[in-house]
Structure formats: C-alpha cells, structure tokens
Amino acid sequence: DVIAMATLQDQCDLSEAAIRLFMIMDH
C-alpha cells in the first residue's frame, strides 16, 4: 500500500515501484 500510494503521488518512480512490488508481492 505504501509503495503504491507513493508511486501514485509521484514520490517513487515507476521502475523502482515495479521492482519493489514484484519482489514483495511474490511473498
């Protein structure tokens, strides 16, 4: 939730979000 929100608010770039979300959601 924190990563998705930060990305939607342009506080996290899309590539970093894609990497982090994939790695986290895989668990």
mmCIF file of all heavy atoms, coordinates in Angstrom:
data_MODEL
# 
_entry.id   MODEL 
# 
loop_
_atom_site.group_PDB 
_atom_site.id 
_atom_site.type_symbol 
_atom_site.label_atom_id 
_atom_site.label_alt_id 
_atom_site.label_comp_id 
_atom_site.label_asym_id 
_atom_site.label_entity_id 
_atom_site.label_seq_id 
_atom_site.pdbx_PDB_ins_code 
_atom_site.Cartn_x 
_atom_site.Cartn_y 
_atom_site.Cartn_z 
_atom_site.occupancy 
_atom_site.B_iso_or_equiv 
_atom_site.pdbx_formal_charge 
_atom_site.auth_seq_id 
_atom_site.auth_comp_id 
_atom_site.auth_asym_id 
_atom_site.auth_atom_id 
_atom_site.pdbx_PDB_model_num 
ATOM 1   N N   . ASP A 1 1  ? 0.827  -1.214  0.000   1.00 0.00 ? 1  ASP A N   1 
ATOM 2   C CA  . ASP A 1 1  ? 0.000  0.000   0.000   1.00 0.00 ? 1  ASP A CA  1 
ATOM 3   C C   . ASP A 1 1  ? 0.859  1.261   0.000   1.00 0.00 ? 1  ASP A C   1 
ATOM 4   O O   . ASP A 1 1  ? 0.596  2.208   -0.752  1.00 0.00 ? 1  ASP A O   1 
ATOM 5   C CB  . ASP A 1 1  ? -0.930 0.022   1.220   1.00 0.00 ? 1  ASP A CB  1 
ATOM 6   C CG  . ASP A 1 1  ? -2.075 -0.971  1.115   1.00 0.00 ? 1  ASP A CG  1 
ATOM 7   O OD1 . ASP A 1 1  ? -2.306 -1.516  0.015   1.00 0.00 ? 1  ASP A OD1 1 
ATOM 8   O OD2 . ASP A 1 1  ? -2.744 -1.205  2.142   1.00 0.00 ? 1  ASP A OD2 1 
ATOM 9   N N   . VAL A 1 2  ? 1.886  1.274   0.832   1.00 0.00 ? 2  VAL A N   1 
ATOM 10  C CA  . VAL A 1 2  ? 2.757  2.450   0.925   1.00 0.00 ? 2  VAL A CA  1 
ATOM 11  C C   . VAL A 1 2  ? 3.457  2.699   -0.410  1.00 0.00 ? 2  VAL A C   1 
ATOM 12  O O   . VAL A 1 2  ? 3.504  3.837   -0.898  1.00 0.00 ? 2  VAL A O   1 
ATOM 13  C CB  . VAL A 1 2  ? 3.788  2.290   2.069   1.00 0.00 ? 2  VAL A CB  1 
ATOM 14  C CG1 . VAL A 1 2  ? 4.864  3.368   2.011   1.00 0.00 ? 2  VAL A CG1 1 
ATOM 15  C CG2 . VAL A 1 2  ? 3.083  2.318   3.418   1.00 0.00 ? 2  VAL A CG2 1 
ATOM 16  N N   . ILE A 1 3  ? 3.976  1.652   -1.025  1.00 0.00 ? 3  ILE A N   1 
ATOM 17  C CA  . ILE A 1 3  ? 4.678  1.803   -2.313  1.00 0.00 ? 3  ILE A CA  1 
ATOM 18  C C   . ILE A 1 3  ? 3.707  2.268   -3.397  1.00 0.00 ? 3  ILE A C   1 
ATOM 19  O O   . ILE A 1 3  ? 4.020  3.181   -4.169  1.00 0.00 ? 3  ILE A O   1 
ATOM 20  C CB  . ILE A 1 3  ? 5.372  0.489   -2.722  1.00 0.00 ? 3  ILE A CB  1 
ATOM 21  C CG1 . ILE A 1 3  ? 6.502  0.162   -1.739  1.00 0.00 ? 3  ILE A CG1 1 
ATOM 22  C CG2 . ILE A 1 3  ? 5.912  0.572   -4.148  1.00 0.00 ? 3  ILE A CG2 1 
ATOM 23  C CD1 . ILE A 1 3  ? 7.042  -1.258  -1.865  1.00 0.00 ? 3  ILE A CD1 1 
ATOM 24  N N   . ALA A 1 4  ? 2.540  1.645   -3.466  1.00 0.00 ? 4  ALA A N   1 
ATOM 25  C CA  . ALA A 1 4  ? 1.556  2.028   -4.495  1.00 0.00 ? 4  ALA A CA  1 
ATOM 26  C C   . ALA A 1 4  ? 1.114  3.473   -4.307  1.00 0.00 ? 4  ALA A C   1 
ATOM 27  O O   . ALA A 1 4  ? 1.022  4.234   -5.282  1.00 0.00 ? 4  ALA A O   1 
ATOM 28  C CB  . ALA A 1 4  ? 0.353  1.083   -4.452  1.00 0.00 ? 4  ALA A CB  1 
ATOM 29  N N   . MET A 1 5  ? 0.843  3.861   -3.064  1.00 0.00 ? 5  MET A N   1 
ATOM 30  C CA  . MET A 1 5  ? 0.426  5.245   -2.797  1.00 0.00 ? 5  MET A CA  1 
ATOM 31  C C   . MET A 1 5  ? 1.536  6.228   -3.157  1.00 0.00 ? 5  MET A C   1 
ATOM 32  O O   . MET A 1 5  ? 1.281  7.255   -3.797  1.00 0.00 ? 5  MET A O   1 
ATOM 33  C CB  . MET A 1 5  ? 0.052  5.407   -1.323  1.00 0.00 ? 5  MET A CB  1 
ATOM 34  C CG  . MET A 1 5  ? -1.199 4.673   -0.919  1.00 0.00 ? 5  MET A CG  1 
ATOM 35  S SD  . MET A 1 5  ? -2.626 5.293   -1.775  1.00 0.00 ? 5  MET A SD  1 
ATOM 36  C CE  . MET A 1 5  ? -2.823 6.830   -0.930  1.00 0.00 ? 5  MET A CE  1 
ATOM 37  N N   . ALA A 1 6  ? 2.745  5.947   -2.746  1.00 0.00 ? 6  ALA A N   1 
ATOM 38  C CA  . ALA A 1 6  ? 3.870  6.839   -3.028  1.00 0.00 ? 6  ALA A CA  1 
ATOM 39  C C   . ALA A 1 6  ? 4.068  6.988   -4.537  1.00 0.00 ? 6  ALA A C   1 
ATOM 40  O O   . ALA A 1 6  ? 4.355  8.077   -5.031  1.00 0.00 ? 6  ALA A O   1 
ATOM 41  C CB  . ALA A 1 6  ? 5.142  6.313   -2.372  1.00 0.00 ? 6  ALA A CB  1 
ATOM 42  N N   . THR A 1 7  ? 3.888  5.900   -5.261  1.00 0.00 ? 7  THR A N   1 
ATOM 43  C CA  . THR A 1 7  ? 4.061  5.948   -6.714  1.00 0.00 ? 7  THR A CA  1 
ATOM 44  C C   . THR A 1 7  ? 2.951  6.761   -7.369  1.00 0.00 ? 7  THR A C   1 
ATOM 45  O O   . THR A 1 7  ? 3.213  7.578   -8.257  1.00 0.00 ? 7  THR A O   1 
ATOM 46  C CB  . THR A 1 7  ? 4.111  4.524   -7.296  1.00 0.00 ? 7  THR A CB  1 
ATOM 47  O OG1 . THR A 1 7  ? 5.110  3.779   -6.586  1.00 0.00 ? 7  THR A OG1 1 
ATOM 48  C CG2 . THR A 1 7  ? 4.447  4.544   -8.773  1.00 0.00 ? 7  THR A CG2 1 
ATOM 49  N N   . LEU A 1 8  ? 1.723  6.567   -6.926  1.00 0.00 ? 8  LEU A N   1 
ATOM 50  C CA  . LEU A 1 8  ? 0.609  7.349   -7.478  1.00 0.00 ? 8  LEU A CA  1 
ATOM 51  C C   . LEU A 1 8  ? 0.755  8.835   -7.177  1.00 0.00 ? 8  LEU A C   1 
ATOM 52  O O   . LEU A 1 8  ? 0.278  9.675   -7.930  1.00 0.00 ? 8  LEU A O   1 
ATOM 53  C CB  . LEU A 1 8  ? -0.729 6.832   -6.934  1.00 0.00 ? 8  LEU A CB  1 
ATOM 54  C CG  . LEU A 1 8  ? -1.222 5.531   -7.559  1.00 0.00 ? 8  LEU A CG  1 
ATOM 55  C CD1 . LEU A 1 8  ? -2.432 4.998   -6.800  1.00 0.00 ? 8  LEU A CD1 1 
ATOM 56  C CD2 . LEU A 1 8  ? -1.559 5.730   -9.032  1.00 0.00 ? 8  LEU A CD2 1 
ATOM 57  N N   . GLN A 1 9  ? 1.430  9.157   -6.091  1.00 0.00 ? 9  GLN A N   1 
ATOM 58  C CA  . GLN A 1 9  ? 1.650  10.558  -5.716  1.00 0.00 ? 9  GLN A CA  1 
ATOM 59  C C   . GLN A 1 9  ? 2.996  11.072  -6.236  1.00 0.00 ? 9  GLN A C   1 
ATOM 60  O O   . GLN A 1 9  ? 3.472  12.115  -5.814  1.00 0.00 ? 9  GLN A O   1 
ATOM 61  C CB  . GLN A 1 9  ? 1.578  10.701  -4.193  1.00 0.00 ? 9  GLN A CB  1 
ATOM 62  C CG  . GLN A 1 9  ? 0.208  10.394  -3.650  1.00 0.00 ? 9  GLN A CG  1 
ATOM 63  C CD  . GLN A 1 9  ? 0.178  10.303  -2.129  1.00 0.00 ? 9  GLN A CD  1 
ATOM 64  O OE1 . GLN A 1 9  ? 1.193  10.424  -1.452  1.00 0.00 ? 9  GLN A OE1 1 
ATOM 65  N NE2 . GLN A 1 9  ? -1.002 10.096  -1.589  1.00 0.00 ? 9  GLN A NE2 1 
ATOM 66  N N   . ASP A 1 10 ? 3.602  10.324  -7.153  1.00 0.00 ? 10 ASP A N   1 
ATOM 67  C CA  . ASP A 1 10 ? 4.877  10.685  -7.782  1.00 0.00 ? 10 ASP A CA  1 
ATOM 68  C C   . ASP A 1 10 ? 6.014  10.876  -6.782  1.00 0.00 ? 10 ASP A C   1 
ATOM 69  O O   . ASP A 1 10 ? 6.912  11.680  -6.994  1.00 0.00 ? 10 ASP A O   1 
ATOM 70  C CB  . ASP A 1 10 ? 4.713  11.939  -8.652  1.00 0.00 ? 10 ASP A CB  1 
ATOM 71  C CG  . ASP A 1 10 ? 3.746  11.720  -9.805  1.00 0.00 ? 10 ASP A CG  1 
ATOM 72  O OD1 . ASP A 1 10 ? 3.739  10.607  -10.369 1.00 0.00 ? 10 ASP A OD1 1 
ATOM 73  O OD2 . ASP A 1 10 ? 2.973  12.647  -10.130 1.00 0.00 ? 10 ASP A OD2 1 
ATOM 74  N N   . GLN A 1 11 ? 5.980  10.126  -5.686  1.00 0.00 ? 11 GLN A N   1 
ATOM 75  C CA  . GLN A 1 11 ? 7.057  10.160  -4.706  1.00 0.00 ? 11 GLN A CA  1 
ATOM 76  C C   . GLN A 1 11 ? 8.022  8.990   -4.917  1.00 0.00 ? 11 GLN A C   1 
ATOM 77  O O   . GLN A 1 11 ? 9.053  8.917   -4.256  1.00 0.00 ? 11 GLN A O   1 
ATOM 78  C CB  . GLN A 1 11 ? 6.479  10.097  -3.291  1.00 0.00 ? 11 GLN A CB  1 
ATOM 79  C CG  . GLN A 1 11 ? 5.619  11.285  -2.943  1.00 0.00 ? 11 GLN A CG  1 
ATOM 80  C CD  . GLN A 1 11 ? 4.897  11.092  -1.624  1.00 0.00 ? 11 GLN A CD  1 
ATOM 81  O OE1 . GLN A 1 11 ? 5.021  10.056  -0.979  1.00 0.00 ? 11 GLN A OE1 1 
ATOM 82  N NE2 . GLN A 1 11 ? 4.137  12.097  -1.222  1.00 0.00 ? 11 GLN A NE2 1 
ATOM 83  N N   . CYS A 1 12 ? 7.678  8.086   -5.812  1.00 0.00 ? 12 CYS A N   1 
ATOM 84  C CA  . CYS A 1 12 ? 8.512  6.917   -6.115  1.00 0.00 ? 12 CYS A CA  1 
ATOM 85  C C   . CYS A 1 12 ? 8.425  6.712   -7.625  1.00 0.00 ? 12 CYS A C   1 
ATOM 86  O O   . CYS A 1 12 ? 7.329  6.799   -8.191  1.00 0.00 ? 12 CYS A O   1 
ATOM 87  C CB  . CYS A 1 12 ? 7.964  5.701   -5.363  1.00 0.00 ? 12 CYS A CB  1 
ATOM 88  S SG  . CYS A 1 12 ? 8.834  4.145   -5.670  1.00 0.00 ? 12 CYS A SG  1 
ATOM 89  N N   . ASP A 1 13 ? 9.565  6.501   -8.271  1.00 0.00 ? 13 ASP A N   1 
ATOM 90  C CA  . ASP A 1 13 ? 9.474  6.343   -9.726  1.00 0.00 ? 13 ASP A CA  1 
ATOM 91  C C   . ASP A 1 13 ? 8.911  4.969   -10.101 1.00 0.00 ? 13 ASP A C   1 
ATOM 92  O O   . ASP A 1 13 ? 8.932  4.038   -9.307  1.00 0.00 ? 13 ASP A O   1 
ATOM 93  C CB  . ASP A 1 13 ? 10.796 6.655   -10.429 1.00 0.00 ? 13 ASP A CB  1 
ATOM 94  C CG  . ASP A 1 13 ? 11.890 5.647   -10.200 1.00 0.00 ? 13 ASP A CG  1 
ATOM 95  O OD1 . ASP A 1 13 ? 11.594 4.442   -10.148 1.00 0.00 ? 13 ASP A OD1 1 
ATOM 96  O OD2 . ASP A 1 13 ? 13.059 6.061   -10.097 1.00 0.00 ? 13 ASP A OD2 1 
ATOM 97  N N   . LEU A 1 14 ? 8.383  4.895   -11.303 1.00 0.00 ? 14 LEU A N   1 
ATOM 98  C CA  . LEU A 1 14 ? 7.673  3.694   -11.744 1.00 0.00 ? 14 LEU A CA  1 
ATOM 99  C C   . LEU A 1 14 ? 8.553  2.446   -11.749 1.00 0.00 ? 14 LEU A C   1 
ATOM 100 O O   . LEU A 1 14 ? 8.103  1.369   -11.359 1.00 0.00 ? 14 LEU A O   1 
ATOM 101 C CB  . LEU A 1 14 ? 7.072  3.926   -13.130 1.00 0.00 ? 14 LEU A CB  1 
ATOM 102 C CG  . LEU A 1 14 ? 6.007  5.022   -13.227 1.00 0.00 ? 14 LEU A CG  1 
ATOM 103 C CD1 . LEU A 1 14 ? 5.558  5.194   -14.673 1.00 0.00 ? 14 LEU A CD1 1 
ATOM 104 C CD2 . LEU A 1 14 ? 4.832  4.720   -12.335 1.00 0.00 ? 14 LEU A CD2 1 
ATOM 105 N N   . SER A 1 15 ? 9.796  2.592   -12.175 1.00 0.00 ? 15 SER A N   1 
ATOM 106 C CA  . SER A 1 15 ? 10.687 1.426   -12.236 1.00 0.00 ? 15 SER A CA  1 
ATOM 107 C C   . SER A 1 15 ? 10.964 0.870   -10.849 1.00 0.00 ? 15 SER A C   1 
ATOM 108 O O   . SER A 1 15 ? 10.933 -0.344  -10.631 1.00 0.00 ? 15 SER A O   1 
ATOM 109 C CB  . SER A 1 15 ? 12.008 1.794   -12.908 1.00 0.00 ? 15 SER A CB  1 
ATOM 110 O OG  . SER A 1 15 ? 11.789 2.130   -14.259 1.00 0.00 ? 15 SER A OG  1 
ATOM 111 N N   . GLU A 1 16 ? 11.245 1.756   -9.918  1.00 0.00 ? 16 GLU A N   1 
ATOM 112 C CA  . GLU A 1 16 ? 11.514 1.310   -8.544  1.00 0.00 ? 16 GLU A CA  1 
ATOM 113 C C   . GLU A 1 16 ? 10.281 0.637   -7.958  1.00 0.00 ? 16 GLU A C   1 
ATOM 114 O O   . GLU A 1 16 ? 10.375 -0.397  -7.299  1.00 0.00 ? 16 GLU A O   1 
ATOM 115 C CB  . GLU A 1 16 ? 11.942 2.508   -7.681  1.00 0.00 ? 16 GLU A CB  1 
ATOM 116 C CG  . GLU A 1 16 ? 12.425 2.120   -6.314  1.00 0.00 ? 16 GLU A CG  1 
ATOM 117 C CD  . GLU A 1 16 ? 13.729 1.326   -6.326  1.00 0.00 ? 16 GLU A CD  1 
ATOM 118 O OE1 . GLU A 1 16 ? 14.525 1.439   -7.271  1.00 0.00 ? 16 GLU A OE1 1 
ATOM 119 O OE2 . GLU A 1 16 ? 13.944 0.572   -5.347  1.00 0.00 ? 16 GLU A OE2 1 
ATOM 120 N N   . ALA A 1 17 ? 9.109  1.201   -8.224  1.00 0.00 ? 17 ALA A N   1 
ATOM 121 C CA  . ALA A 1 17 ? 7.865  0.608   -7.733  1.00 0.00 ? 17 ALA A CA  1 
ATOM 122 C C   . ALA A 1 17 ? 7.642  -0.771  -8.346  1.00 0.00 ? 17 ALA A C   1 
ATOM 123 O O   . ALA A 1 17 ? 7.255  -1.713  -7.650  1.00 0.00 ? 17 ALA A O   1 
ATOM 124 C CB  . ALA A 1 17 ? 6.681  1.522   -8.048  1.00 0.00 ? 17 ALA A CB  1 
ATOM 125 N N   . ALA A 1 18 ? 7.891  -0.897  -9.646  1.00 0.00 ? 18 ALA A N   1 
ATOM 126 C CA  . ALA A 1 18 ? 7.690  -2.183  -10.319 1.00 0.00 ? 18 ALA A CA  1 
ATOM 127 C C   . ALA A 1 18 ? 8.581  -3.261  -9.701  1.00 0.00 ? 18 ALA A C   1 
ATOM 128 O O   . ALA A 1 18 ? 8.127  -4.385  -9.446  1.00 0.00 ? 18 ALA A O   1 
ATOM 129 C CB  . ALA A 1 18 ? 7.970  -2.048  -11.820 1.00 0.00 ? 18 ALA A CB  1 
ATOM 130 N N   . ILE A 1 19 ? 9.822  -2.918  -9.431  1.00 0.00 ? 19 ILE A N   1 
ATOM 131 C CA  . ILE A 1 19 ? 10.756 -3.878  -8.830  1.00 0.00 ? 19 ILE A CA  1 
ATOM 132 C C   . ILE A 1 19 ? 10.308 -4.240  -7.414  1.00 0.00 ? 19 ILE A C   1 
ATOM 133 O O   . ILE A 1 19 ? 10.189 -5.412  -7.062  1.00 0.00 ? 19 ILE A O   1 
ATOM 134 C CB  . ILE A 1 19 ? 12.193 -3.311  -8.806  1.00 0.00 ? 19 ILE A CB  1 
ATOM 135 C CG1 . ILE A 1 19 ? 12.741 -3.219  -10.231 1.00 0.00 ? 19 ILE A CG1 1 
ATOM 136 C CG2 . ILE A 1 19 ? 13.107 -4.167  -7.928  1.00 0.00 ? 19 ILE A CG2 1 
ATOM 137 C CD1 . ILE A 1 19 ? 14.034 -2.432  -10.348 1.00 0.00 ? 19 ILE A CD1 1 
ATOM 138 N N   . ARG A 1 20 ? 10.044 -3.225  -6.614  1.00 0.00 ? 20 ARG A N   1 
ATOM 139 C CA  . ARG A 1 20 ? 9.683  -3.465  -5.212  1.00 0.00 ? 20 ARG A CA  1 
ATOM 140 C C   . ARG A 1 20 ? 8.363  -4.228  -5.091  1.00 0.00 ? 20 ARG A C   1 
ATOM 141 O O   . ARG A 1 20 ? 8.254  -5.162  -4.293  1.00 0.00 ? 20 ARG A O   1 
ATOM 142 C CB  . ARG A 1 20 ? 9.601  -2.149  -4.447  1.00 0.00 ? 20 ARG A CB  1 
ATOM 143 C CG  . ARG A 1 20 ? 10.949 -1.533  -4.200  1.00 0.00 ? 20 ARG A CG  1 
ATOM 144 C CD  . ARG A 1 20 ? 10.821 -0.185  -3.502  1.00 0.00 ? 20 ARG A CD  1 
ATOM 145 N NE  . ARG A 1 20 ? 12.106 0.440   -3.370  1.00 0.00 ? 20 ARG A NE  1 
ATOM 146 C CZ  . ARG A 1 20 ? 12.832 0.424   -2.254  1.00 0.00 ? 20 ARG A CZ  1 
ATOM 147 N NH1 . ARG A 1 20 ? 12.371 -0.179  -1.184  1.00 0.00 ? 20 ARG A NH1 1 
ATOM 148 N NH2 . ARG A 1 20 ? 14.003 1.020   -2.205  1.00 0.00 ? 20 ARG A NH2 1 
ATOM 149 N N   . LEU A 1 21 ? 7.370  -3.825  -5.870  1.00 0.00 ? 21 LEU A N   1 
ATOM 150 C CA  . LEU A 1 21 ? 6.065  -4.501  -5.786  1.00 0.00 ? 21 LEU A CA  1 
ATOM 151 C C   . LEU A 1 21 ? 6.164  -5.960  -6.209  1.00 0.00 ? 21 LEU A C   1 
ATOM 152 O O   . LEU A 1 21 ? 5.584  -6.839  -5.568  1.00 0.00 ? 21 LEU A O   1 
ATOM 153 C CB  . LEU A 1 21 ? 5.015  -3.756  -6.611  1.00 0.00 ? 21 LEU A CB  1 
ATOM 154 C CG  . LEU A 1 21 ? 4.566  -2.423  -6.031  1.00 0.00 ? 21 LEU A CG  1 
ATOM 155 C CD1 . LEU A 1 21 ? 3.703  -1.663  -7.028  1.00 0.00 ? 21 LEU A CD1 1 
ATOM 156 C CD2 . LEU A 1 21 ? 3.834  -2.612  -4.718  1.00 0.00 ? 21 LEU A CD2 1 
ATOM 157 N N   . PHE A 1 22 ? 6.895  -6.222  -7.284  1.00 0.00 ? 22 PHE A N   1 
ATOM 158 C CA  . PHE A 1 22 ? 7.039  -7.609  -7.716  1.00 0.00 ? 22 PHE A CA  1 
ATOM 159 C C   . PHE A 1 22 ? 7.714  -8.441  -6.638  1.00 0.00 ? 22 PHE A C   1 
ATOM 160 O O   . PHE A 1 22 ? 7.252  -9.532  -6.291  1.00 0.00 ? 22 PHE A O   1 
ATOM 161 C CB  . PHE A 1 22 ? 7.832  -7.705  -9.032  1.00 0.00 ? 22 PHE A CB  1 
ATOM 162 C CG  . PHE A 1 22 ? 8.061  -9.124  -9.460  1.00 0.00 ? 22 PHE A CG  1 
ATOM 163 C CD1 . PHE A 1 22 ? 7.049  -9.842  -10.071 1.00 0.00 ? 22 PHE A CD1 1 
ATOM 164 C CD2 . PHE A 1 22 ? 9.273  -9.758  -9.222  1.00 0.00 ? 22 PHE A CD2 1 
ATOM 165 C CE1 . PHE A 1 22 ? 7.247  -11.174 -10.455 1.00 0.00 ? 22 PHE A CE1 1 
ATOM 166 C CE2 . PHE A 1 22 ? 9.482  -11.079 -9.601  1.00 0.00 ? 22 PHE A CE2 1 
ATOM 167 C CZ  . PHE A 1 22 ? 8.467  -11.784 -10.214 1.00 0.00 ? 22 PHE A CZ  1 
ATOM 168 N N   . MET A 1 23 ? 8.819  -7.917  -6.091  1.00 0.00 ? 23 MET A N   1 
ATOM 169 C CA  . MET A 1 23 ? 9.581  -8.673  -5.097  1.00 0.00 ? 23 MET A CA  1 
ATOM 170 C C   . MET A 1 23 ? 8.764  -8.901  -3.821  1.00 0.00 ? 23 MET A C   1 
ATOM 171 O O   . MET A 1 23 ? 8.811  -9.974  -3.242  1.00 0.00 ? 23 MET A O   1 
ATOM 172 C CB  . MET A 1 23 ? 10.891 -7.945  -4.753  1.00 0.00 ? 23 MET A CB  1 
ATOM 173 C CG  . MET A 1 23 ? 11.805 -7.767  -5.959  1.00 0.00 ? 23 MET A CG  1 
ATOM 174 S SD  . MET A 1 23 ? 12.228 -9.303  -6.787  1.00 0.00 ? 23 MET A SD  1 
ATOM 175 C CE  . MET A 1 23 ? 13.485 -9.912  -5.710  1.00 0.00 ? 23 MET A CE  1 
ATOM 176 N N   . ILE A 1 24 ? 8.012  -7.903  -3.404  1.00 0.00 ? 24 ILE A N   1 
ATOM 177 C CA  . ILE A 1 24 ? 7.231  -8.024  -2.168  1.00 0.00 ? 24 ILE A CA  1 
ATOM 178 C C   . ILE A 1 24 ? 6.002  -8.907  -2.380  1.00 0.00 ? 24 ILE A C   1 
ATOM 179 O O   . ILE A 1 24 ? 5.719  -9.803  -1.588  1.00 0.00 ? 24 ILE A O   1 
ATOM 180 C CB  . ILE A 1 24 ? 6.820  -6.633  -1.651  1.00 0.00 ? 24 ILE A CB  1 
ATOM 181 C CG1 . ILE A 1 24 ? 8.047  -5.850  -1.186  1.00 0.00 ? 24 ILE A CG1 1 
ATOM 182 C CG2 . ILE A 1 24 ? 5.820  -6.754  -0.504  1.00 0.00 ? 24 ILE A CG2 1 
ATOM 183 C CD1 . ILE A 1 24 ? 7.768  -4.406  -0.852  1.00 0.00 ? 24 ILE A CD1 1 
ATOM 184 N N   . MET A 1 25 ? 5.262  -8.660  -3.448  1.00 0.00 ? 25 MET A N   1 
ATOM 185 C CA  . MET A 1 25 ? 4.015  -9.391  -3.663  1.00 0.00 ? 25 MET A CA  1 
ATOM 186 C C   . MET A 1 25 ? 4.268  -10.863 -3.971  1.00 0.00 ? 25 MET A C   1 
ATOM 187 O O   . MET A 1 25 ? 3.379  -11.689 -3.793  1.00 0.00 ? 25 MET A O   1 
ATOM 188 C CB  . MET A 1 25 ? 3.182  -8.727  -4.760  1.00 0.00 ? 25 MET A CB  1 
ATOM 189 C CG  . MET A 1 25 ? 2.639  -7.373  -4.318  1.00 0.00 ? 25 MET A CG  1 
ATOM 190 S SD  . MET A 1 25 ? 1.630  -6.553  -5.565  1.00 0.00 ? 25 MET A SD  1 
ATOM 191 C CE  . MET A 1 25 ? 0.087  -7.438  -5.340  1.00 0.00 ? 25 MET A CE  1 
ATOM 192 N N   . ASP A 1 26 ? 5.475  -11.183 -4.385  1.00 0.00 ? 26 ASP A N   1 
ATOM 193 C CA  . ASP A 1 26 ? 5.818  -12.577 -4.648  1.00 0.00 ? 26 ASP A CA  1 
ATOM 194 C C   . ASP A 1 26 ? 5.798  -13.416 -3.364  1.00 0.00 ? 26 ASP A C   1 
ATOM 195 O O   . ASP A 1 26 ? 5.737  -14.632 -3.414  1.00 0.00 ? 26 ASP A O   1 
ATOM 196 C CB  . ASP A 1 26 ? 7.200  -12.652 -5.306  1.00 0.00 ? 26 ASP A CB  1 
ATOM 197 C CG  . ASP A 1 26 ? 7.516  -14.038 -5.850  1.00 0.00 ? 26 ASP A CG  1 
ATOM 198 O OD1 . ASP A 1 26 ? 6.626  -14.637 -6.494  1.00 0.00 ? 26 ASP A OD1 1 
ATOM 199 O OD2 . ASP A 1 26 ? 8.642  -14.523 -5.619  1.00 0.00 ? 26 ASP A OD2 1 
ATOM 200 N N   . HIS A 1 27 ? 5.811  -12.744 -2.215  1.00 0.00 ? 27 HIS A N   1 
ATOM 201 C CA  . HIS A 1 27 ? 5.830  -13.451 -0.933  1.00 0.00 ? 27 HIS A CA  1 
ATOM 202 C C   . HIS A 1 27 ? 4.453  -13.594 -0.287  1.00 0.00 ? 27 HIS A C   1 
ATOM 203 O O   . HIS A 1 27 ? 4.348  -14.150 0.806   1.00 0.00 ? 27 HIS A O   1 
ATOM 204 C CB  . HIS A 1 27 ? 6.790  -12.751 0.037   1.00 0.00 ? 27 HIS A CB  1 
ATOM 205 C CG  . HIS A 1 27 ? 8.215  -12.829 -0.415  1.00 0.00 ? 27 HIS A CG  1 
ATOM 206 N ND1 . HIS A 1 27 ? 8.973  -13.962 -0.309  1.00 0.00 ? 27 HIS A ND1 1 
ATOM 207 C CD2 . HIS A 1 27 ? 9.009  -11.915 -1.021  1.00 0.00 ? 27 HIS A CD2 1 
ATOM 208 C CE1 . HIS A 1 27 ? 10.175 -13.748 -0.812  1.00 0.00 ? 27 HIS A CE1 1 
ATOM 209 N NE2 . HIS A 1 27 ? 10.224 -12.513 -1.259  1.00 0.00 ? 27 HIS A NE2 1 
# 
